[in-house]
Protein backbone atom coordinates (compact mmCIF):
# COMPACT_ATOMS: atom_id res chain seq x y z
CA MET A 1 10.14 1.86 -21.27
CA LYS A 2 10.34 1.44 -17.47
CA GLU A 3 11.81 4.39 -15.62
CA ALA A 4 14.47 3.74 -12.98
CA PHE A 5 12.61 2.96 -9.77
CA GLY A 6 15.11 4.26 -7.28
CA VAL A 7 15.35 3.72 -3.60
CA PRO A 8 12.37 4.01 -1.21
CA VAL A 9 12.44 7.00 1.10
CA HIS A 10 10.52 7.13 4.34
CA ILE A 11 8.75 10.47 4.52
CA ASN A 12 6.83 12.64 6.90
CA VAL A 13 3.35 12.77 5.41
CA ILE A 14 2.57 16.14 6.97
CA GLU A 15 5.55 17.77 5.27
CA HIS A 16 4.76 16.06 1.92
CA ALA A 17 0.97 16.15 2.01
CA ASP A 18 0.60 18.14 -1.24
CA ILE A 19 2.65 15.81 -3.43
CA LEU A 20 1.14 12.72 -1.86
CA PHE A 21 -2.36 14.15 -2.38
CA ALA A 22 -1.56 14.87 -6.04
CA LEU A 23 -0.44 11.29 -6.61
CA ASP A 24 -3.37 9.89 -4.58
CA SER A 25 -5.80 11.97 -6.64
CA ARG A 26 -4.31 10.61 -9.90
CA VAL A 27 -4.43 7.02 -8.64
CA THR A 28 -8.00 7.21 -7.29
CA ALA A 29 -9.23 8.92 -10.46
CA SER A 30 -7.92 5.93 -12.48
CA SER A 31 -9.90 3.43 -10.43
CA PRO A 32 -13.63 3.72 -9.68
CA TYR A 33 -13.22 1.29 -6.75
CA MET A 34 -10.95 3.45 -4.59
CA PHE A 35 -12.35 6.13 -2.38
CA PRO A 36 -10.64 9.46 -2.80
CA THR A 37 -9.61 11.73 -0.01
CA GLU A 38 -11.01 15.23 -0.18
CA SER A 39 -7.93 17.19 0.73
CA PRO A 40 -4.26 16.88 1.72
CA SER A 41 -5.28 17.09 5.40
CA ASP A 42 -7.79 14.21 4.95
CA LEU A 43 -5.02 12.14 3.37
CA VAL A 44 -2.67 12.95 6.26
CA GLU A 45 -5.36 11.89 8.75
CA PHE A 46 -5.97 8.66 6.90
CA LEU A 47 -2.28 7.70 6.54
CA SER A 48 -0.81 8.84 9.83
CA GLY A 49 -3.68 9.73 12.12
CA LYS A 50 -5.47 6.80 13.73
CA ASN A 51 -3.50 4.30 11.57
CA GLN A 52 -0.03 5.47 12.56
CA GLY A 53 1.27 4.45 9.14
CA ASN A 54 4.81 4.71 7.81
CA THR A 55 4.83 6.09 4.29
CA TYR A 56 7.55 5.45 1.68
CA VAL A 57 7.88 7.04 -1.75
CA TRP A 58 9.85 6.23 -4.85
CA LYS A 59 10.97 8.89 -7.27
CA ASN A 60 12.64 8.59 -10.66
CA GLU A 61 16.04 10.07 -11.52
CA GLU A 62 14.42 13.46 -12.29
CA GLY A 63 12.71 13.54 -8.91
CA ARG A 64 9.21 12.73 -10.24
CA LEU A 65 7.08 10.86 -7.72
CA ILE A 66 6.39 7.39 -9.11
CA SER A 67 4.62 5.66 -6.25
CA SER A 68 3.81 5.59 -2.56
CA LEU A 69 3.29 2.83 0.03
CA THR A 70 1.96 3.15 3.55
CA LEU A 71 2.52 0.34 5.96
CA VAL A 72 1.09 -0.16 9.48
CA ASP A 73 2.58 -2.50 12.05
CA ARG A 74 -0.19 -4.75 13.34
CA PRO A 75 1.48 -6.90 16.02
CA GLU A 76 -1.93 -8.15 17.19
CA HIS A 77 -2.14 -9.90 13.75
CA ASP A 78 1.60 -10.77 13.55
CA ALA A 79 1.46 -8.74 10.34
CA ILE A 80 2.19 -5.58 8.45
CA GLU A 81 -0.91 -4.03 6.87
CA ILE A 82 -0.52 -2.41 3.45
CA LEU A 83 -2.82 0.53 4.18
CA SER A 84 -2.16 2.32 0.89
CA ILE A 85 -0.27 1.42 -2.27
CA GLY A 86 -0.35 3.51 -5.42
CA VAL A 87 1.61 3.88 -8.66
CA ASP A 88 1.24 6.83 -11.00
CA PRO A 89 -1.41 5.70 -13.55
CA ASP A 90 0.97 6.52 -16.44
CA LEU A 91 3.49 4.05 -15.02
CA GLN A 92 1.31 1.16 -13.99
CA SER A 93 1.80 -2.39 -15.26
CA GLN A 94 5.60 -1.90 -15.42
CA GLY A 95 6.60 -3.80 -12.27
CA TYR A 96 6.63 -0.97 -9.71
CA GLY A 97 3.79 -2.43 -7.70
CA GLY A 98 5.53 -5.78 -7.42
CA GLU A 99 8.69 -4.06 -6.25
CA MET A 100 6.74 -2.24 -3.55
CA ILE A 101 5.22 -5.55 -2.38
CA SER A 102 8.76 -7.02 -2.20
CA PHE A 103 9.85 -4.05 -0.12
CA ALA A 104 6.91 -4.54 2.23
CA GLU A 105 7.76 -8.26 2.52
CA GLN A 106 11.36 -7.39 3.45
CA LEU A 107 10.24 -4.93 6.13
CA ALA A 108 7.72 -7.41 7.53
CA SER A 109 10.27 -10.20 7.66
CA LEU A 110 12.89 -7.97 9.27
CA SER A 111 10.27 -7.00 11.87
CA GLY A 112 9.64 -10.68 12.57
CA HIS A 113 6.13 -10.76 11.18
CA ARG A 114 4.65 -13.78 9.47
CA LYS A 115 2.34 -12.05 6.94
CA LEU A 116 1.22 -9.02 5.01
CA TYR A 117 -2.39 -8.13 4.57
CA LEU A 118 -4.53 -5.48 2.93
CA LEU A 119 -8.12 -4.72 2.14
CA THR A 120 -9.51 -4.09 -1.33
CA SER A 121 -12.91 -3.79 -3.02
CA PRO A 122 -14.29 -7.06 -4.34
CA LYS A 123 -15.27 -5.04 -7.46
CA ASN A 124 -11.65 -4.09 -8.15
CA LYS A 125 -10.80 -7.12 -10.28
CA ARG A 126 -7.56 -5.60 -11.59
CA ALA A 127 -6.22 -5.05 -8.06
CA ILE A 128 -7.36 -8.49 -6.92
CA GLY A 129 -5.57 -10.09 -9.87
CA PHE A 130 -2.43 -8.11 -9.09
CA TYR A 131 -2.45 -9.23 -5.48
CA LEU A 132 -3.20 -12.85 -6.36
CA ASN A 133 -0.31 -12.80 -8.85
CA ASN A 134 1.89 -11.50 -6.04
CA GLY A 135 1.12 -14.35 -3.67
CA PHE A 136 -1.85 -12.95 -1.72
CA ARG A 137 -5.05 -14.88 -1.17
CA ILE A 138 -8.52 -13.80 -0.14
CA THR A 139 -8.90 -14.75 3.53
CA GLY A 140 -12.08 -12.93 4.54
CA SER A 141 -14.12 -9.78 4.21
CA GLU A 142 -15.06 -6.83 6.30
CA THR A 143 -17.60 -4.10 6.01
CA ASP A 144 -16.97 -0.49 7.06
CA TYR A 145 -13.21 -1.01 7.70
CA PHE A 146 -12.52 2.44 6.25
CA GLY A 147 -15.69 4.01 7.66
CA ASN A 148 -17.43 4.16 4.29
CA LYS A 149 -19.79 1.16 4.85
CA GLU A 150 -18.32 -0.75 1.88
CA LEU A 151 -17.46 -4.45 1.72
CA ARG A 152 -13.72 -5.09 1.36
CA HIS A 153 -11.87 -8.36 0.77
CA ILE A 154 -9.10 -9.11 3.25
CA MET A 155 -6.15 -10.38 1.27
CA THR A 156 -3.20 -12.04 3.06
CA LYS A 157 0.27 -13.13 2.03
CA ASP A 158 2.08 -15.59 4.27
CA LEU A 159 5.78 -14.88 4.34
CA ALA A 160 8.47 -17.50 4.05
CA LYS A 161 9.98 -18.57 7.31
CA ASN A 162 13.35 -17.11 8.04
CA PRO A 163 15.65 -16.95 11.09
CA LYS A 164 14.20 -13.59 12.13
CA THR A 165 10.55 -14.76 11.98
CA ARG A 166 8.96 -15.46 15.36
CA ALA A 167 8.61 -19.15 16.24
């Protein structure tokens, strides 16, 4: 049974590094195609250091961390990048990921951006299927984007035009 998803909360990753690292460790352990961070400080550097990401979390009614999402404004691409998205492995395939994508779409549209994009391993068929089912398409590839010399698919979702979207 799906737990109540709750409202996204924007957090300071430095103040919440330990709980984010615990979730990130569980998520990366469940997928051989994700690269784990080595410590809470490494995760903080990845999410908010050079990337200047904004991290949001969702908790259930008991305060348990369900998922996290880090978004980066990329005006040079007229886009919001989904830098990190993760759902507790015990709660995956229950619609939380789709709700997080919808939240990212809303933020991107309100910011006047025309698209969302992210990078994922071409070996991660489950993630690729999830993104394709949520309206993304593979639009390119890049090697060494995350500094680990691995090939990543660039996946993009064009957003519907609305009055707040740039002409």
